[in-house]
C-alpha cells in the first residue's frame, strides 16, 4: 500500500528528511485516525509540503503505535524519539504543549 504524508511547510521537515536529520514521522491524534493500524513495514510513504508537489519517496522500516497517552507518556515519547523525528531537543517543550492532550501517536 502507498501513503501520502502532507507536511506543514513552515516546519521545514521535508528538508530534514532529505538531509537525514529526520528519520521518524509521527502523527498525534485525540482518536484513532489513519494511519493507525493501516500502515505496515515495507509500505511506501510519499512526502510533500502543503501546496507543493511530492518530493520524497520512502519505505516504512518500522511502525510503533502508542495509545492511552497521558501528558507524562507524551513527554517520554518526545524525549525518546524527538531527535530522530527532526524536532531538536530545544523544540521538545514547544511540541509537548501541542501534543500533551493527545491520546494516540503513531
N, C-alpha and C. Protein backbone atom coordinates (compact mmCIF):
# COMPACT_ATOMS: atom_id res chain seq x y z
N UNK A 1 0.85 -1.18 0.00
CA UNK A 1 0.00 0.00 0.00
C UNK A 1 0.89 1.24 0.00
N UNK A 2 0.39 2.30 -0.55
CA UNK A 2 1.10 3.57 -0.60
C UNK A 2 0.35 4.61 0.23
N UNK A 3 1.10 5.52 0.84
CA UNK A 3 0.53 6.54 1.70
C UNK A 3 1.11 7.90 1.31
N UNK A 4 0.36 8.95 1.59
CA UNK A 4 0.82 10.31 1.34
C UNK A 4 0.85 11.07 2.65
N UNK A 5 1.99 11.64 2.99
CA UNK A 5 2.14 12.46 4.19
C UNK A 5 2.30 13.92 3.75
N UNK A 6 1.34 14.74 4.14
CA UNK A 6 1.39 16.16 3.81
C UNK A 6 1.95 16.89 5.03
N UNK A 7 3.04 17.60 4.81
CA UNK A 7 3.77 18.23 5.90
C UNK A 7 3.50 19.74 5.93
N UNK A 8 3.54 20.29 7.12
CA UNK A 8 3.41 21.74 7.30
C UNK A 8 4.71 22.38 6.81
N UNK A 9 4.62 23.13 5.75
CA UNK A 9 5.80 23.70 5.10
C UNK A 9 6.64 24.55 6.05
N UNK A 10 5.99 25.31 6.91
CA UNK A 10 6.71 26.23 7.80
C UNK A 10 7.62 25.51 8.79
N UNK A 11 7.38 24.22 9.03
CA UNK A 11 8.22 23.47 9.97
C UNK A 11 9.51 22.98 9.31
N UNK A 12 9.58 22.98 7.99
CA UNK A 12 10.80 22.57 7.29
C UNK A 12 11.18 21.11 7.45
N UNK A 13 10.20 20.25 7.70
CA UNK A 13 10.52 18.85 7.98
C UNK A 13 10.90 18.05 6.74
N UNK A 14 10.38 18.41 5.57
CA UNK A 14 10.79 17.64 4.38
C UNK A 14 12.28 17.84 4.11
N UNK A 15 12.79 19.03 4.37
CA UNK A 15 14.23 19.26 4.20
C UNK A 15 15.04 18.43 5.19
N UNK A 16 14.49 18.25 6.40
CA UNK A 16 15.17 17.43 7.40
C UNK A 16 15.16 15.96 7.00
N UNK A 17 14.09 15.52 6.32
CA UNK A 17 14.05 14.14 5.81
C UNK A 17 15.14 13.97 4.76
N UNK A 18 15.21 14.90 3.83
CA UNK A 18 16.20 14.82 2.75
C UNK A 18 17.63 14.85 3.27
N UNK A 19 17.87 15.61 4.34
CA UNK A 19 19.23 15.71 4.89
C UNK A 19 19.59 14.55 5.81
N UNK A 20 18.58 13.73 6.17
CA UNK A 20 18.82 12.61 7.08
C UNK A 20 18.67 12.98 8.54
N UNK A 21 18.35 14.23 8.82
CA UNK A 21 18.16 14.68 10.20
C UNK A 21 16.85 14.13 10.79
N UNK A 22 15.85 13.92 9.94
CA UNK A 22 14.55 13.37 10.36
C UNK A 22 14.41 11.96 9.81
N UNK A 23 14.33 10.98 10.73
CA UNK A 23 14.24 9.58 10.32
C UNK A 23 12.93 8.93 10.75
N UNK A 24 12.15 9.66 11.53
CA UNK A 24 10.88 9.16 12.05
C UNK A 24 9.79 10.16 11.68
N UNK A 25 8.64 9.66 11.28
CA UNK A 25 7.46 10.52 11.09
C UNK A 25 6.44 10.10 12.13
N UNK A 26 5.91 11.06 12.87
CA UNK A 26 4.90 10.76 13.88
C UNK A 26 3.64 11.56 13.58
N UNK A 27 2.53 10.97 13.95
CA UNK A 27 1.23 11.63 13.85
C UNK A 27 0.57 11.50 15.21
N UNK A 28 0.01 12.59 15.71
CA UNK A 28 -0.58 12.68 17.05
C UNK A 28 -2.05 13.06 16.92
N UNK A 29 -2.93 12.28 17.59
CA UNK A 29 -4.37 12.50 17.47
C UNK A 29 -5.07 12.32 18.81
N UNK A 30 -6.29 12.83 18.87
CA UNK A 30 -7.17 12.58 20.02
C UNK A 30 -7.83 11.21 19.92
N UNK A 31 -8.16 10.79 18.69
CA UNK A 31 -8.79 9.48 18.45
C UNK A 31 -8.00 8.74 17.37
N UNK A 32 -8.22 7.44 17.28
CA UNK A 32 -7.52 6.64 16.27
C UNK A 32 -7.96 7.09 14.88
N UNK A 33 -6.98 7.44 14.08
CA UNK A 33 -7.22 8.00 12.75
C UNK A 33 -6.10 7.50 11.85
N UNK A 34 -6.34 7.44 10.56
CA UNK A 34 -5.32 7.00 9.61
C UNK A 34 -4.05 7.80 9.87
N UNK A 35 -2.91 7.17 10.01
CA UNK A 35 -2.53 5.83 9.58
C UNK A 35 -2.63 4.74 10.64
N UNK A 36 -3.29 4.98 11.78
CA UNK A 36 -3.41 3.98 12.84
C UNK A 36 -3.90 2.64 12.27
N UNK A 37 -3.15 1.59 12.54
CA UNK A 37 -3.46 0.21 12.10
C UNK A 37 -3.55 0.05 10.58
N UNK A 38 -3.16 1.05 9.82
CA UNK A 38 -3.24 0.94 8.35
C UNK A 38 -1.87 0.92 7.69
N UNK A 39 -0.86 1.42 8.37
CA UNK A 39 0.46 1.48 7.76
C UNK A 39 1.31 0.33 8.30
N UNK A 40 2.03 -0.32 7.40
CA UNK A 40 2.80 -1.52 7.74
C UNK A 40 4.24 -1.38 7.26
N UNK A 41 5.11 -2.13 7.89
CA UNK A 41 6.51 -2.21 7.48
C UNK A 41 6.58 -2.61 6.01
N UNK A 42 7.46 -1.96 5.26
CA UNK A 42 7.65 -2.26 3.84
C UNK A 42 6.79 -1.45 2.90
N UNK A 43 5.79 -0.75 3.43
CA UNK A 43 4.94 0.07 2.57
C UNK A 43 5.65 1.37 2.20
N UNK A 44 5.12 2.05 1.21
CA UNK A 44 5.72 3.28 0.68
C UNK A 44 4.97 4.50 1.23
N UNK A 45 5.74 5.51 1.63
CA UNK A 45 5.18 6.80 2.04
C UNK A 45 5.79 7.88 1.17
N UNK A 46 4.94 8.67 0.55
CA UNK A 46 5.36 9.84 -0.21
C UNK A 46 5.17 11.06 0.69
N UNK A 47 6.14 11.97 0.67
CA UNK A 47 6.06 13.18 1.47
C UNK A 47 6.00 14.40 0.56
N UNK A 48 5.23 15.39 1.00
CA UNK A 48 5.16 16.66 0.28
C UNK A 48 4.83 17.75 1.29
N UNK A 49 5.32 18.93 1.02
CA UNK A 49 4.90 20.09 1.79
C UNK A 49 3.52 20.51 1.30
N UNK A 50 2.72 21.05 2.19
CA UNK A 50 1.39 21.52 1.84
C UNK A 50 1.47 22.50 0.67
N UNK A 51 0.66 22.28 -0.35
CA UNK A 51 0.63 23.16 -1.52
C UNK A 51 1.74 22.93 -2.51
N UNK A 52 2.56 21.92 -2.29
CA UNK A 52 3.70 21.64 -3.16
C UNK A 52 3.57 20.22 -3.72
N UNK A 53 4.35 19.90 -4.76
CA UNK A 53 4.32 18.53 -5.30
C UNK A 53 5.06 17.56 -4.37
N UNK A 54 4.84 16.28 -4.60
CA UNK A 54 5.56 15.23 -3.86
C UNK A 54 7.05 15.35 -4.18
N UNK A 55 7.87 15.28 -3.13
CA UNK A 55 9.31 15.40 -3.33
C UNK A 55 10.10 14.22 -2.76
N UNK A 56 9.46 13.39 -1.94
CA UNK A 56 10.19 12.32 -1.26
C UNK A 56 9.39 11.03 -1.32
N UNK A 57 10.09 9.94 -1.57
CA UNK A 57 9.51 8.60 -1.52
C UNK A 57 10.35 7.78 -0.55
N UNK A 58 9.71 7.17 0.46
CA UNK A 58 10.42 6.37 1.45
C UNK A 58 9.70 5.04 1.65
N UNK A 59 10.42 4.10 2.24
CA UNK A 59 9.84 2.81 2.61
C UNK A 59 9.79 2.73 4.13
N UNK A 60 8.67 2.26 4.66
CA UNK A 60 8.50 2.14 6.11
C UNK A 60 9.39 1.03 6.63
N UNK A 61 10.23 1.37 7.61
CA UNK A 61 11.15 0.42 8.22
C UNK A 61 10.53 -0.23 9.45
N UNK A 62 9.75 0.56 10.21
CA UNK A 62 9.18 0.06 11.46
C UNK A 62 7.98 0.93 11.82
N UNK A 63 6.96 0.32 12.43
CA UNK A 63 5.78 1.05 12.88
C UNK A 63 5.64 0.85 14.38
N UNK A 64 5.51 1.94 15.11
CA UNK A 64 5.25 1.90 16.55
C UNK A 64 4.00 2.73 16.80
N UNK A 65 3.08 2.19 17.60
CA UNK A 65 1.84 2.90 17.92
C UNK A 65 1.70 3.01 19.44
N UNK A 66 1.24 4.16 19.90
CA UNK A 66 1.02 4.40 21.32
C UNK A 66 -0.43 4.84 21.50
N UNK A 67 -1.09 4.31 22.52
CA UNK A 67 -2.47 4.72 22.82
C UNK A 67 -2.58 5.00 24.32
N UNK A 68 -3.73 5.51 24.72
CA UNK A 68 -3.98 5.85 26.12
C UNK A 68 -2.89 6.75 26.68
N UNK A 69 -2.52 7.75 25.90
CA UNK A 69 -1.44 8.64 26.31
C UNK A 69 -1.86 9.55 27.45
N UNK A 70 -0.90 9.86 28.28
CA UNK A 70 -1.03 10.87 29.32
C UNK A 70 0.03 11.93 29.02
N UNK A 71 -0.07 13.10 29.63
CA UNK A 71 0.99 14.08 29.41
C UNK A 71 2.39 13.53 29.73
N UNK A 72 2.50 12.70 30.76
CA UNK A 72 3.81 12.12 31.11
C UNK A 72 4.31 11.18 30.01
N UNK A 73 3.41 10.36 29.45
CA UNK A 73 3.80 9.46 28.36
C UNK A 73 4.19 10.26 27.12
N UNK A 74 3.46 11.33 26.85
CA UNK A 74 3.79 12.18 25.70
C UNK A 74 5.21 12.73 25.86
N UNK A 75 5.52 13.21 27.05
CA UNK A 75 6.86 13.75 27.31
C UNK A 75 7.93 12.67 27.11
N UNK A 76 7.67 11.46 27.61
CA UNK A 76 8.62 10.35 27.45
C UNK A 76 8.86 10.05 25.97
N UNK A 77 7.78 9.98 25.20
CA UNK A 77 7.89 9.69 23.76
C UNK A 77 8.70 10.79 23.06
N UNK A 78 8.40 12.03 23.38
CA UNK A 78 9.12 13.14 22.76
C UNK A 78 10.61 13.09 23.08
N UNK A 79 10.96 12.80 24.34
CA UNK A 79 12.38 12.74 24.69
C UNK A 79 13.06 11.52 24.09
N UNK A 80 12.33 10.40 23.95
CA UNK A 80 12.93 9.20 23.37
C UNK A 80 13.09 9.30 21.86
N UNK A 81 12.09 9.84 21.17
CA UNK A 81 12.08 9.83 19.71
C UNK A 81 12.18 11.20 19.05
N UNK A 82 12.09 12.27 19.81
CA UNK A 82 12.03 13.62 19.25
C UNK A 82 13.20 13.98 18.36
N UNK A 83 14.41 13.61 18.76
CA UNK A 83 15.59 13.94 17.96
C UNK A 83 15.50 13.28 16.59
N UNK A 84 15.13 12.00 16.55
CA UNK A 84 15.01 11.29 15.27
C UNK A 84 13.81 11.76 14.46
N UNK A 85 12.86 12.41 15.14
CA UNK A 85 11.67 12.94 14.47
C UNK A 85 11.94 14.35 13.92
N UNK A 86 13.19 14.80 14.04
CA UNK A 86 13.58 16.08 13.48
C UNK A 86 13.20 17.28 14.32
N UNK A 87 12.80 17.05 15.57
CA UNK A 87 12.33 18.16 16.40
C UNK A 87 13.46 18.96 17.00
N UNK A 88 14.55 18.32 17.35
CA UNK A 88 15.62 19.01 18.06
C UNK A 88 15.27 19.12 19.53
N UNK A 89 16.21 18.87 20.37
CA UNK A 89 15.99 18.82 21.81
C UNK A 89 15.41 20.13 22.35
N UNK A 90 15.80 21.26 21.77
CA UNK A 90 15.30 22.56 22.25
C UNK A 90 13.85 22.82 21.86
N UNK A 91 13.30 22.05 20.92
CA UNK A 91 11.91 22.24 20.48
C UNK A 91 10.93 21.32 21.23
N UNK A 92 11.45 20.39 22.03
CA UNK A 92 10.57 19.43 22.70
C UNK A 92 9.54 20.12 23.59
N UNK A 93 9.89 21.13 24.40
CA UNK A 93 8.85 21.79 25.21
C UNK A 93 7.72 22.39 24.36
N UNK A 94 8.07 22.96 23.22
CA UNK A 94 7.07 23.54 22.32
C UNK A 94 6.13 22.46 21.78
N UNK A 95 6.70 21.33 21.35
CA UNK A 95 5.87 20.24 20.82
C UNK A 95 5.09 19.55 21.93
N UNK A 96 5.65 19.49 23.13
CA UNK A 96 4.90 18.94 24.26
C UNK A 96 3.62 19.73 24.48
N UNK A 97 3.69 21.04 24.41
CA UNK A 97 2.49 21.87 24.59
C UNK A 97 1.45 21.57 23.52
N UNK A 98 1.88 21.26 22.31
CA UNK A 98 0.94 20.94 21.22
C UNK A 98 0.34 19.54 21.39
N UNK A 99 1.10 18.60 21.94
CA UNK A 99 0.69 17.19 21.94
C UNK A 99 0.24 16.66 23.30
N UNK A 100 0.38 17.43 24.37
CA UNK A 100 0.13 16.89 25.71
C UNK A 100 -1.29 16.38 25.93
N UNK A 101 -2.25 16.86 25.17
CA UNK A 101 -3.64 16.41 25.32
C UNK A 101 -4.02 15.32 24.31
N UNK A 102 -3.08 14.88 23.51
CA UNK A 102 -3.36 13.84 22.51
C UNK A 102 -3.41 12.47 23.19
N UNK A 103 -4.20 11.58 22.63
CA UNK A 103 -4.37 10.24 23.19
C UNK A 103 -3.68 9.16 22.38
N UNK A 104 -3.34 9.46 21.13
CA UNK A 104 -2.81 8.48 20.19
C UNK A 104 -1.58 9.06 19.50
N UNK A 105 -0.58 8.21 19.30
CA UNK A 105 0.58 8.59 18.49
C UNK A 105 1.03 7.38 17.69
N UNK A 106 1.36 7.61 16.44
CA UNK A 106 1.93 6.53 15.63
C UNK A 106 2.94 7.11 14.66
